[in-house]
Amino acid sequence: MPCIQTGTGICHVYVDRDADQEMALNIIENAKTSRPSVCNAEEVCLVHEAIAETFLPKLKARLVDDRAAVGLTPVELRLDEAAAKIIDGVPAGERDFDTEFLDYILAVKVINSTEDAIAHISAHSTGHSDCIVTRNKEAAQAFLSRVDSAAVYWNVSTRFTDGGEFGLGCEMGISTQKLHARGPMGLEELCSYKYIICGDGQVR
């Protein structure tokens, strides 16, 4: 009997080498801080090594320093070795890229290509929602076609994965598998079919 698995979200935002960096910061801030305790919140940020030196200081300023300066909860950045050479944060532990924090915590990893980002997501994502930020259509198309998640975004916050936002009305859950419903589910996805046939003596 098919079962529906819902809820768990280890959502990624990949900032490509050709990203509009201000757009990326806005998307990440929204995806991580607008409501960190929900399943469509970002838990992992992947940054292309070609822009890491310039982008990561901006990321820390936006999520940590600027928020603390106005009395908001700063985001704890858990950094892989490459990111830790560029900005201050907490060293990422063994499970930090496989954890749904549901808190003001973001795991950050520097990767060397779109292929690397896709491979990381394939290994660590729960199939919920993943995003690429880029102006490069070729990179975006590769990401969109090969990341196997219920919702895959190009230059859009993962926070849009929601039944109401998708126009489904009241959301019953977000399915992270493929049988039978996938993604945000409304009442229709929980219904089965019954065929009623009326006729006047038809035969086959």
N, C-alpha and C. Protein backbone atom coordinates (compact mmCIF):
# COMPACT_ATOMS: atom_id res chain seq x y z
N MET A 1 0.84 -1.19 0.00
CA MET A 1 0.00 0.00 0.00
C MET A 1 0.88 1.25 0.00
N PRO A 2 0.66 2.17 -0.93
CA PRO A 2 1.48 3.39 -0.95
C PRO A 2 1.27 4.22 0.31
N CYS A 3 2.34 4.77 0.82
CA CYS A 3 2.28 5.68 1.96
C CYS A 3 2.88 7.02 1.55
N ILE A 4 2.44 8.09 2.21
CA ILE A 4 2.95 9.42 1.91
C ILE A 4 3.87 9.86 3.04
N GLN A 5 5.09 10.19 2.69
CA GLN A 5 6.06 10.69 3.66
C GLN A 5 6.14 12.20 3.52
N THR A 6 5.93 12.92 4.61
CA THR A 6 5.92 14.39 4.53
C THR A 6 6.85 14.99 5.58
N GLY A 7 7.23 16.25 5.31
CA GLY A 7 7.77 17.07 6.39
C GLY A 7 9.25 17.35 6.38
N THR A 8 10.11 16.33 6.46
CA THR A 8 11.52 16.59 6.70
C THR A 8 12.14 17.38 5.55
N GLY A 9 12.77 18.48 5.88
CA GLY A 9 13.36 19.32 4.85
C GLY A 9 14.79 19.72 5.16
N ILE A 10 15.74 19.20 4.42
CA ILE A 10 17.11 19.74 4.45
C ILE A 10 17.26 20.46 3.12
N CYS A 11 16.86 21.73 3.13
CA CYS A 11 16.79 22.53 1.90
C CYS A 11 18.09 23.27 1.65
N HIS A 12 18.52 23.28 0.40
CA HIS A 12 19.78 23.90 0.00
C HIS A 12 19.55 25.13 -0.86
N VAL A 13 20.44 26.11 -0.71
CA VAL A 13 20.57 27.19 -1.68
C VAL A 13 22.01 27.16 -2.18
N TYR A 14 22.17 27.00 -3.49
CA TYR A 14 23.48 27.00 -4.12
C TYR A 14 23.72 28.33 -4.81
N VAL A 15 24.76 29.04 -4.38
CA VAL A 15 25.11 30.33 -4.97
C VAL A 15 26.19 30.07 -6.01
N ASP A 16 25.78 30.12 -7.26
CA ASP A 16 26.67 29.82 -8.38
C ASP A 16 27.68 30.95 -8.61
N ARG A 17 28.71 30.66 -9.35
CA ARG A 17 29.74 31.67 -9.66
C ARG A 17 29.15 32.85 -10.41
N ASP A 18 28.07 32.64 -11.15
CA ASP A 18 27.44 33.70 -11.93
C ASP A 18 26.19 34.26 -11.26
N ALA A 19 26.11 34.12 -9.95
CA ALA A 19 24.94 34.64 -9.23
C ALA A 19 24.98 36.15 -9.10
N ASP A 20 23.81 36.76 -9.09
CA ASP A 20 23.66 38.14 -8.62
C ASP A 20 23.76 38.04 -7.09
N GLN A 21 24.86 38.56 -6.54
CA GLN A 21 25.14 38.32 -5.12
C GLN A 21 24.13 39.00 -4.20
N GLU A 22 23.64 40.16 -4.56
CA GLU A 22 22.64 40.82 -3.73
C GLU A 22 21.34 40.01 -3.73
N MET A 23 20.96 39.49 -4.89
CA MET A 23 19.79 38.62 -4.97
C MET A 23 19.99 37.39 -4.09
N ALA A 24 21.19 36.80 -4.17
CA ALA A 24 21.48 35.61 -3.37
C ALA A 24 21.34 35.89 -1.88
N LEU A 25 21.85 37.03 -1.43
CA LEU A 25 21.74 37.39 -0.02
C LEU A 25 20.28 37.55 0.39
N ASN A 26 19.48 38.18 -0.46
CA ASN A 26 18.07 38.36 -0.14
C ASN A 26 17.34 37.02 -0.06
N ILE A 27 17.64 36.13 -0.99
CA ILE A 27 17.00 34.81 -1.00
C ILE A 27 17.40 34.02 0.23
N ILE A 28 18.70 34.02 0.54
CA ILE A 28 19.18 33.25 1.70
C ILE A 28 18.62 33.81 3.00
N GLU A 29 18.61 35.11 3.13
CA GLU A 29 18.05 35.71 4.35
C GLU A 29 16.58 35.31 4.52
N ASN A 30 15.82 35.37 3.45
CA ASN A 30 14.42 34.97 3.53
C ASN A 30 14.27 33.48 3.83
N ALA A 31 15.03 32.66 3.10
CA ALA A 31 14.90 31.21 3.23
C ALA A 31 15.34 30.71 4.61
N LYS A 32 16.28 31.42 5.24
CA LYS A 32 16.77 30.97 6.55
C LYS A 32 16.06 31.63 7.71
N THR A 33 15.79 32.94 7.61
CA THR A 33 15.38 33.67 8.82
C THR A 33 13.92 34.06 8.89
N SER A 34 13.17 33.97 7.78
CA SER A 34 11.78 34.42 7.85
C SER A 34 10.95 33.55 8.78
N ARG A 35 11.28 32.26 8.81
CA ARG A 35 10.60 31.33 9.72
C ARG A 35 11.46 30.07 9.80
N PRO A 36 12.50 30.07 10.62
CA PRO A 36 13.49 28.99 10.57
C PRO A 36 12.99 27.63 11.04
N SER A 37 11.84 27.58 11.71
CA SER A 37 11.38 26.32 12.29
C SER A 37 10.47 25.52 11.37
N VAL A 38 10.40 25.89 10.09
CA VAL A 38 9.52 25.16 9.16
C VAL A 38 10.35 24.33 8.18
N CYS A 39 9.67 23.36 7.54
CA CYS A 39 10.41 22.40 6.71
C CYS A 39 10.92 23.00 5.42
N ASN A 40 10.39 24.16 4.97
CA ASN A 40 10.89 24.75 3.73
C ASN A 40 11.96 25.82 3.98
N ALA A 41 12.44 25.92 5.21
CA ALA A 41 13.54 26.85 5.53
C ALA A 41 14.87 26.26 5.04
N GLU A 42 15.76 27.13 4.62
CA GLU A 42 17.09 26.69 4.17
C GLU A 42 17.91 26.19 5.35
N GLU A 43 18.59 25.08 5.15
CA GLU A 43 19.50 24.54 6.18
C GLU A 43 20.95 24.53 5.72
N VAL A 44 21.18 24.54 4.40
CA VAL A 44 22.54 24.45 3.86
C VAL A 44 22.73 25.48 2.76
N CYS A 45 23.86 26.18 2.81
CA CYS A 45 24.25 27.11 1.76
C CYS A 45 25.52 26.59 1.09
N LEU A 46 25.46 26.39 -0.22
CA LEU A 46 26.61 25.98 -1.01
C LEU A 46 27.07 27.18 -1.83
N VAL A 47 28.37 27.45 -1.80
CA VAL A 47 28.91 28.63 -2.48
C VAL A 47 30.03 28.21 -3.42
N HIS A 48 29.96 28.67 -4.67
CA HIS A 48 31.01 28.34 -5.64
C HIS A 48 32.32 28.99 -5.22
N GLU A 49 33.39 28.22 -5.34
CA GLU A 49 34.70 28.69 -4.88
C GLU A 49 35.17 29.96 -5.59
N ALA A 50 34.70 30.20 -6.82
CA ALA A 50 35.15 31.37 -7.58
C ALA A 50 34.68 32.68 -6.95
N ILE A 51 33.59 32.64 -6.17
CA ILE A 51 33.07 33.87 -5.54
C ILE A 51 33.12 33.81 -4.02
N ALA A 52 33.63 32.73 -3.46
CA ALA A 52 33.59 32.55 -2.00
C ALA A 52 34.30 33.68 -1.26
N GLU A 53 35.43 34.14 -1.76
CA GLU A 53 36.20 35.18 -1.07
C GLU A 53 35.40 36.48 -0.95
N THR A 54 34.58 36.79 -1.94
CA THR A 54 33.80 38.02 -1.89
C THR A 54 32.42 37.81 -1.27
N PHE A 55 31.82 36.65 -1.54
CA PHE A 55 30.44 36.44 -1.10
C PHE A 55 30.33 36.09 0.38
N LEU A 56 31.20 35.24 0.89
CA LEU A 56 31.05 34.78 2.27
C LEU A 56 31.12 35.91 3.30
N PRO A 57 32.02 36.91 3.15
CA PRO A 57 31.97 38.04 4.09
C PRO A 57 30.64 38.79 4.04
N LYS A 58 30.05 38.90 2.85
CA LYS A 58 28.73 39.53 2.74
C LYS A 58 27.66 38.69 3.43
N LEU A 59 27.77 37.39 3.29
CA LEU A 59 26.82 36.48 3.94
C LEU A 59 26.89 36.61 5.46
N LYS A 60 28.10 36.63 5.99
CA LYS A 60 28.26 36.78 7.43
C LYS A 60 27.73 38.13 7.90
N ALA A 61 28.02 39.18 7.16
CA ALA A 61 27.53 40.51 7.53
C ALA A 61 26.00 40.53 7.57
N ARG A 62 25.35 39.94 6.56
CA ARG A 62 23.89 39.97 6.47
C ARG A 62 23.23 39.11 7.55
N LEU A 63 23.73 37.90 7.75
CA LEU A 63 23.05 36.97 8.65
C LEU A 63 23.49 37.05 10.10
N VAL A 64 24.69 37.54 10.32
CA VAL A 64 25.23 37.56 11.69
C VAL A 64 25.34 38.99 12.21
N ASP A 65 26.22 39.78 11.63
CA ASP A 65 26.54 41.11 12.16
C ASP A 65 25.35 42.08 12.08
N ASP A 66 24.73 42.16 10.91
CA ASP A 66 23.63 43.12 10.73
C ASP A 66 22.45 42.77 11.62
N ARG A 67 22.16 41.49 11.76
CA ARG A 67 21.03 41.08 12.60
C ARG A 67 21.32 41.37 14.08
N ALA A 68 22.52 41.07 14.52
CA ALA A 68 22.88 41.35 15.91
C ALA A 68 22.82 42.85 16.21
N ALA A 69 23.21 43.66 15.24
CA ALA A 69 23.25 45.11 15.43
C ALA A 69 21.87 45.72 15.68
N VAL A 70 20.82 45.05 15.18
CA VAL A 70 19.47 45.59 15.36
C VAL A 70 18.64 44.75 16.33
N GLY A 71 19.32 43.90 17.09
CA GLY A 71 18.64 43.13 18.13
C GLY A 71 17.92 41.88 17.67
N LEU A 72 18.20 41.43 16.44
CA LEU A 72 17.61 40.18 15.95
C LEU A 72 18.56 39.02 16.24
N THR A 73 18.01 37.83 16.28
CA THR A 73 18.83 36.65 16.52
C THR A 73 19.79 36.44 15.36
N PRO A 74 21.09 36.43 15.63
CA PRO A 74 22.04 36.17 14.53
C PRO A 74 22.01 34.68 14.16
N VAL A 75 22.38 34.41 12.93
CA VAL A 75 22.44 33.03 12.46
C VAL A 75 23.81 32.46 12.79
N GLU A 76 23.82 31.27 13.37
CA GLU A 76 25.09 30.58 13.63
C GLU A 76 25.52 29.89 12.35
N LEU A 77 26.69 30.24 11.84
CA LEU A 77 27.21 29.66 10.62
C LEU A 77 28.13 28.49 10.96
N ARG A 78 27.81 27.32 10.45
CA ARG A 78 28.64 26.13 10.66
C ARG A 78 29.39 25.86 9.35
N LEU A 79 30.69 26.07 9.40
CA LEU A 79 31.50 26.20 8.19
C LEU A 79 32.36 24.97 7.92
N ASP A 80 32.42 24.58 6.63
CA ASP A 80 33.41 23.58 6.26
C ASP A 80 34.79 24.24 6.26
N GLU A 81 35.83 23.45 6.02
CA GLU A 81 37.20 23.97 6.15
C GLU A 81 37.48 25.13 5.21
N ALA A 82 37.00 25.04 3.98
CA ALA A 82 37.27 26.11 3.01
C ALA A 82 36.57 27.40 3.42
N ALA A 83 35.33 27.32 3.88
CA ALA A 83 34.61 28.53 4.31
C ALA A 83 35.24 29.13 5.56
N ALA A 84 35.74 28.27 6.46
CA ALA A 84 36.34 28.73 7.71
C ALA A 84 37.64 29.50 7.48
N LYS A 85 38.25 29.32 6.32
CA LYS A 85 39.47 30.08 6.00
C LYS A 85 39.14 31.51 5.57
N ILE A 86 37.86 31.77 5.30
CA ILE A 86 37.45 33.08 4.79
C ILE A 86 36.70 33.90 5.83
N ILE A 87 35.81 33.26 6.59
CA ILE A 87 35.03 33.97 7.60
C ILE A 87 35.05 33.19 8.92
N ASP A 88 34.67 33.89 9.99
CA ASP A 88 34.57 33.25 11.30
C ASP A 88 33.22 32.56 11.45
N GLY A 89 33.23 31.46 12.18
CA GLY A 89 32.01 30.72 12.45
C GLY A 89 32.35 29.49 13.27
N VAL A 90 31.42 28.59 13.36
CA VAL A 90 31.61 27.33 14.09
C VAL A 90 32.04 26.27 13.08
N PRO A 91 33.08 25.49 13.39
CA PRO A 91 33.46 24.42 12.47
C PRO A 91 32.30 23.44 12.29
N ALA A 92 32.00 23.09 11.06
CA ALA A 92 30.92 22.15 10.79
C ALA A 92 31.28 20.77 11.31
N GLY A 93 30.33 20.14 11.98
CA GLY A 93 30.53 18.78 12.47
C GLY A 93 30.17 17.75 11.42
N GLU A 94 30.38 16.51 11.75
CA GLU A 94 30.17 15.40 10.81
C GLU A 94 28.74 15.34 10.28
N ARG A 95 27.75 15.69 11.11
CA ARG A 95 26.35 15.56 10.73
C ARG A 95 25.69 16.87 10.32
N ASP A 96 26.43 17.97 10.30
CA ASP A 96 25.79 19.27 10.07
C ASP A 96 25.20 19.43 8.67
N PHE A 97 25.70 18.68 7.70
CA PHE A 97 25.13 18.78 6.36
C PHE A 97 24.01 17.76 6.14
N ASP A 98 23.65 17.05 7.20
CA ASP A 98 22.54 16.09 7.17
C ASP A 98 21.53 16.38 8.26
N THR A 99 21.50 17.62 8.74
CA THR A 99 20.64 17.97 9.87
C THR A 99 19.61 19.02 9.49
N GLU A 100 18.37 18.76 9.87
CA GLU A 100 17.33 19.77 9.75
C GLU A 100 17.34 20.55 11.07
N PHE A 101 17.99 21.70 11.08
CA PHE A 101 18.21 22.44 12.33
C PHE A 101 16.92 23.03 12.90
N LEU A 102 16.05 23.54 12.03
CA LEU A 102 14.82 24.20 12.47
C LEU A 102 15.12 25.31 13.47
N ASP A 103 16.21 26.03 13.20
CA ASP A 103 16.71 27.05 14.13
C ASP A 103 17.57 28.03 13.32
N TYR A 104 18.07 29.04 14.00
CA TYR A 104 18.94 30.03 13.35
C TYR A 104 20.36 29.48 13.20
N ILE A 105 20.47 28.41 12.44
CA ILE A 105 21.74 27.73 12.18
C ILE A 105 21.79 27.42 10.70
N LEU A 106 22.94 27.69 10.06
CA LEU A 106 23.09 27.43 8.64
C LEU A 106 24.45 26.77 8.39
N ALA A 107 24.43 25.59 7.77
CA ALA A 107 25.67 24.93 7.37
C ALA A 107 26.13 25.53 6.05
N VAL A 108 27.42 25.83 5.95
CA VAL A 108 27.97 26.51 4.77
C VAL A 108 29.14 25.70 4.22
N LYS A 109 29.09 25.45 2.91
CA LYS A 109 30.15 24.67 2.27
C LYS A 109 30.56 25.33 0.96
N VAL A 110 31.86 25.36 0.70
CA VAL A 110 32.40 25.86 -0.56
C VAL A 110 32.56 24.67 -1.50
N ILE A 111 32.02 24.81 -2.72
CA ILE A 111 32.12 23.73 -3.71
C ILE A 111 32.75 24.29 -4.98
N ASN A 112 33.16 23.41 -5.89
CA ASN A 112 33.94 23.89 -7.03
C ASN A 112 33.22 23.89 -8.37
N SER A 113 31.95 23.48 -8.41
CA SER A 113 31.22 23.49 -9.68
C SER A 113 29.75 23.21 -9.43
N THR A 114 28.95 23.45 -10.46
CA THR A 114 27.53 23.09 -10.39
C THR A 114 27.39 21.58 -10.24
N GLU A 115 28.26 20.83 -10.91
CA GLU A 115 28.24 19.37 -10.77
C GLU A 115 28.45 18.96 -9.32
N ASP A 116 29.38 19.63 -8.65
CA ASP A 116 29.67 19.36 -7.25
C ASP A 116 28.45 19.68 -6.38
N ALA A 117 27.78 20.79 -6.68
CA ALA A 117 26.59 21.17 -5.93
C ALA A 117 25.49 20.12 -6.10
N ILE A 118 25.28 19.67 -7.33
CA ILE A 118 24.25 18.65 -7.60
C ILE A 118 24.59 17.36 -6.87
N ALA A 119 25.86 16.97 -6.89
CA ALA A 119 26.29 15.74 -6.20
C ALA A 119 26.09 15.85 -4.69
N HIS A 120 26.43 17.02 -4.12
CA HIS A 120 26.24 17.21 -2.68
C HIS A 120 24.76 17.11 -2.33
N ILE A 121 23.91 17.77 -3.11
CA ILE A 121 22.48 17.74 -2.83
C ILE A 121 21.94 16.32 -2.97
N SER A 122 22.40 15.61 -3.97
CA SER A 122 21.97 14.22 -4.15
C SER A 122 22.30 13.36 -2.94
N ALA A 123 23.45 13.64 -2.33
CA ALA A 123 23.90 12.85 -1.18
C ALA A 123 23.25 13.28 0.13
N HIS A 124 22.84 14.54 0.25
CA HIS A 124 22.42 15.07 1.56
C HIS A 124 20.98 15.60 1.62
N SER A 125 20.37 15.88 0.48
CA SER A 125 19.03 16.46 0.49
C SER A 125 17.98 15.43 0.89
N THR A 126 16.87 15.88 1.44
CA THR A 126 15.73 15.01 1.74
C THR A 126 14.71 15.04 0.62
N GLY A 127 15.02 15.71 -0.48
CA GLY A 127 14.11 15.74 -1.61
C GLY A 127 12.97 16.72 -1.45
N HIS A 128 13.14 17.71 -0.59
CA HIS A 128 12.08 18.68 -0.30
C HIS A 128 12.16 19.86 -1.27
N SER A 129 13.10 20.79 -1.03
CA SER A 129 13.21 22.00 -1.84
C SER A 129 14.67 22.42 -1.94
N ASP A 130 15.12 22.69 -3.15
CA ASP A 130 16.50 23.11 -3.36
C ASP A 130 16.55 24.19 -4.44
N CYS A 131 17.50 25.13 -4.29
CA CYS A 131 17.52 26.33 -5.13
C CYS A 131 18.92 26.60 -5.68
N ILE A 132 18.98 27.08 -6.91
CA ILE A 132 20.21 27.63 -7.47
C ILE A 132 19.99 29.12 -7.71
N VAL A 133 20.98 29.93 -7.36
CA VAL A 133 20.97 31.35 -7.67
C VAL A 133 22.05 31.59 -8.70
N THR A 134 21.64 31.98 -9.91
CA THR A 134 22.60 32.19 -10.99
C THR A 134 21.97 32.99 -12.11
N ARG A 135 22.82 33.66 -12.89
CA ARG A 135 22.39 34.30 -14.14
C ARG A 135 22.74 33.44 -15.34
N ASN A 136 23.34 32.28 -15.07
CA ASN A 136 23.80 31.38 -16.13
C ASN A 136 22.70 30.35 -16.42
N LYS A 137 22.07 30.49 -17.60
CA LYS A 137 20.94 29.63 -17.94
C LYS A 137 21.36 28.17 -18.05
N GLU A 138 22.54 27.92 -18.57
CA GLU A 138 23.01 26.54 -18.74
C GLU A 138 23.18 25.86 -17.38
N ALA A 139 23.80 26.58 -16.44
CA ALA A 139 23.96 26.03 -15.09
C ALA A 139 22.60 25.79 -14.44
N ALA A 140 21.70 26.74 -14.62
CA ALA A 140 20.37 26.62 -14.03
C ALA A 140 19.63 25.42 -14.59
N GLN A 141 19.68 25.21 -15.90
CA GLN A 141 18.97 24.10 -16.51
C GLN A 141 19.54 22.76 -16.05
N ALA A 142 20.86 22.69 -15.90
CA ALA A 142 21.47 21.45 -15.39
C ALA A 142 20.97 21.17 -13.97
N PHE A 143 20.93 22.20 -13.14
CA PHE A 143 20.48 22.06 -11.76
C PHE A 143 19.01 21.65 -11.71
N LEU A 144 18.17 22.35 -12.48
CA LEU A 144 16.73 22.09 -12.46
C LEU A 144 16.39 20.69 -12.94
N SER A 145 17.13 20.20 -13.94
CA SER A 145 16.81 18.89 -14.50
C SER A 145 17.39 17.74 -13.69
N ARG A 146 18.46 17.98 -12.95
CA ARG A 146 19.15 16.86 -12.30
C ARG A 146 18.97 16.80 -10.78
N VAL A 147 18.54 17.87 -10.15
CA VAL A 147 18.27 17.80 -8.71
C VAL A 147 16.89 17.16 -8.53
N ASP A 148 16.86 16.04 -7.84
CA ASP A 148 15.64 15.24 -7.73
C ASP A 148 14.90 15.58 -6.43
N SER A 149 14.30 16.75 -6.39
CA SER A 149 13.53 17.18 -5.22
C SER A 149 12.12 17.54 -5.64
N ALA A 150 11.21 17.58 -4.68
CA ALA A 150 9.81 17.88 -4.98
C ALA A 150 9.66 19.28 -5.56
N ALA A 151 10.47 20.23 -5.10
CA ALA A 151 10.46 21.59 -5.63
C ALA A 151 11.90 22.03 -5.87
N VAL A 152 12.19 22.45 -7.09
CA VAL A 152 13.54 22.91 -7.44
C VAL A 152 13.40 24.32 -8.00
N TYR A 153 14.16 25.24 -7.43
CA TYR A 153 13.99 26.67 -7.72
C TYR A 153 15.20 27.26 -8.43
N TRP A 154 14.92 28.26 -9.25
CA TRP A 154 15.97 29.07 -9.89
C TRP A 154 15.70 30.52 -9.48
N ASN A 155 16.57 31.07 -8.67
CA ASN A 155 16.47 32.46 -8.20
C ASN A 155 15.19 32.72 -7.40
N VAL A 156 14.77 31.75 -6.59
CA VAL A 156 13.55 31.88 -5.78
C VAL A 156 13.80 31.23 -4.42
N SER A 157 13.29 31.85 -3.36
CA SER A 157 13.43 31.30 -2.01
C SER A 157 12.70 29.97 -1.87
N THR A 158 13.30 29.05 -1.14
CA THR A 158 12.66 27.76 -0.86
C THR A 158 11.40 27.91 -0.02
N ARG A 159 11.20 29.07 0.59
CA ARG A 159 10.03 29.29 1.44
C ARG A 159 8.71 29.28 0.67
N PHE A 160 8.77 29.25 -0.66
CA PHE A 160 7.55 29.21 -1.45
C PHE A 160 6.95 27.80 -1.54
N THR A 161 7.66 26.78 -1.08
CA THR A 161 7.10 25.43 -1.12
C THR A 161 6.03 25.32 -0.03
N ASP A 162 4.80 25.54 -0.45
CA ASP A 162 3.68 25.63 0.49
C ASP A 162 2.38 25.46 -0.29
N GLY A 163 1.46 24.72 0.26
CA GLY A 163 0.20 24.47 -0.43
C GLY A 163 -0.54 25.74 -0.79
N GLY A 164 -0.60 26.69 0.15
CA GLY A 164 -1.28 27.95 -0.12
C GLY A 164 -0.59 28.73 -1.22
N GLU A 165 0.73 28.80 -1.18
CA GLU A 165 1.49 29.52 -2.21
C GLU A 165 1.33 28.87 -3.58
N PHE A 166 1.16 27.56 -3.61
CA PHE A 166 0.99 26.83 -4.87
C PHE A 166 -0.46 26.83 -5.34
N GLY A 167 -1.35 27.48 -4.59
CA GLY A 167 -2.74 27.57 -5.00
C GLY A 167 -3.56 26.32 -4.74
N LEU A 168 -3.11 25.50 -3.78
CA LEU A 168 -3.80 24.24 -3.50
C LEU A 168 -4.80 24.35 -2.36
N GLY A 169 -4.93 25.54 -1.79
CA GLY A 169 -5.81 25.70 -0.64
C GLY A 169 -5.13 25.19 0.62
N CYS A 170 -5.93 24.63 1.51
CA CYS A 170 -5.41 24.13 2.79
C CYS A 170 -4.39 23.02 2.54
N GLU A 171 -3.19 23.17 3.09
CA GLU A 171 -2.14 22.19 2.88
C GLU A 171 -2.26 21.04 3.87
N MET A 172 -2.21 19.82 3.36
CA MET A 172 -2.23 18.62 4.19
C MET A 172 -0.83 18.18 4.57
N GLY A 173 0.15 18.60 3.82
CA GLY A 173 1.53 18.20 4.06
C GLY A 173 2.34 18.44 2.80
N ILE A 174 3.65 18.19 2.88
CA ILE A 174 4.53 18.29 1.72
C ILE A 174 5.20 16.94 1.54
N SER A 175 4.86 16.27 0.46
CA SER A 175 5.39 14.93 0.21
C SER A 175 6.79 15.02 -0.38
N THR A 176 7.72 14.28 0.23
CA THR A 176 9.11 14.28 -0.25
C THR A 176 9.46 13.00 -0.99
N GLN A 177 8.44 12.20 -1.34
CA GLN A 177 8.68 11.01 -2.15
C GLN A 177 7.75 11.05 -3.36
N LYS A 178 7.65 9.98 -4.10
CA LYS A 178 7.03 10.07 -5.43
C LYS A 178 5.75 9.26 -5.60
N LEU A 179 5.30 8.55 -4.63
CA LEU A 179 4.15 7.68 -4.80
C LEU A 179 3.13 7.94 -3.70
N HIS A 180 2.01 8.52 -4.07
CA HIS A 180 1.62 8.97 -5.39
C HIS A 180 1.78 10.48 -5.52
N ALA A 181 1.58 11.19 -4.41
CA ALA A 181 1.68 12.65 -4.43
C ALA A 181 3.11 13.09 -4.17
N ARG A 182 3.48 14.26 -4.73
CA ARG A 182 4.81 14.82 -4.47
C ARG A 182 4.70 16.33 -4.33
N GLY A 183 5.43 16.89 -3.36
CA GLY A 183 5.37 18.33 -3.11
C GLY A 183 4.17 18.67 -2.24
N PRO A 184 3.78 19.96 -2.21
CA PRO A 184 2.65 20.37 -1.38
C PRO A 184 1.37 19.63 -1.78
N MET A 185 0.62 19.19 -0.77
CA MET A 185 -0.60 18.43 -1.02
C MET A 185 -1.81 19.15 -0.46
N GLY A 186 -2.85 19.24 -1.29
CA GLY A 186 -4.15 19.71 -0.84
C GLY A 186 -5.09 18.53 -0.67
N LEU A 187 -6.36 18.81 -0.53
CA LEU A 187 -7.34 17.73 -0.35
C LEU A 187 -7.37 16.77 -1.53
N GLU A 188 -7.18 17.30 -2.74
CA GLU A 188 -7.25 16.45 -3.93
C GLU A 188 -6.26 15.29 -3.87
N GLU A 189 -5.06 15.57 -3.34
CA GLU A 189 -4.02 14.53 -3.28
C GLU A 189 -4.36 13.44 -2.27
N LEU A 190 -5.31 13.68 -1.37
CA LEU A 190 -5.69 12.67 -0.37
C LEU A 190 -6.95 11.91 -0.78
N CYS A 191 -7.48 12.23 -1.95
CA CYS A 191 -8.71 11.58 -2.41
C CYS A 191 -8.40 10.45 -3.38
N SER A 192 -9.25 9.44 -3.36
CA SER A 192 -9.18 8.39 -4.38
C SER A 192 -10.35 8.59 -5.35
N TYR A 193 -10.39 7.78 -6.39
CA TYR A 193 -11.40 7.94 -7.43
C TYR A 193 -12.53 6.94 -7.27
N LYS A 194 -13.69 7.34 -7.67
CA LYS A 194 -14.83 6.45 -7.82
C LYS A 194 -15.50 6.82 -9.14
N TYR A 195 -15.64 5.85 -10.05
CA TYR A 195 -16.24 6.10 -11.34
C TYR A 195 -17.70 5.69 -11.33
N ILE A 196 -18.58 6.60 -11.67
CA ILE A 196 -20.01 6.32 -11.76
C ILE A 196 -20.42 6.45 -13.22
N ILE A 197 -20.93 5.38 -13.79
CA ILE A 197 -21.23 5.34 -15.21
C ILE A 197 -22.73 5.11 -15.39
N CYS A 198 -23.40 6.00 -16.08
CA CYS A 198 -24.83 5.87 -16.36
C CYS A 198 -25.02 5.71 -17.87
N GLY A 199 -25.91 4.86 -18.26
CA GLY A 199 -26.12 4.64 -19.67
C GLY A 199 -27.54 4.22 -20.01
N ASP A 200 -27.66 3.72 -21.24
CA ASP A 200 -28.98 3.31 -21.73
C ASP A 200 -28.84 2.03 -22.55
N GLY A 201 -28.21 1.05 -21.91
CA GLY A 201 -28.05 -0.25 -22.55
C GLY A 201 -26.80 -0.42 -23.38
N GLN A 202 -25.81 0.45 -23.22
CA GLN A 202 -24.58 0.34 -24.02
C GLN A 202 -23.85 -0.98 -23.72
N VAL A 203 -23.26 -1.57 -24.74
CA VAL A 203 -22.44 -2.77 -24.59
C VAL A 203 -21.12 -2.55 -25.33
N ARG A 204 -20.14 -3.36 -24.99
CA ARG A 204 -18.84 -3.23 -25.67
C ARG A 204 -18.52 -4.53 -26.38
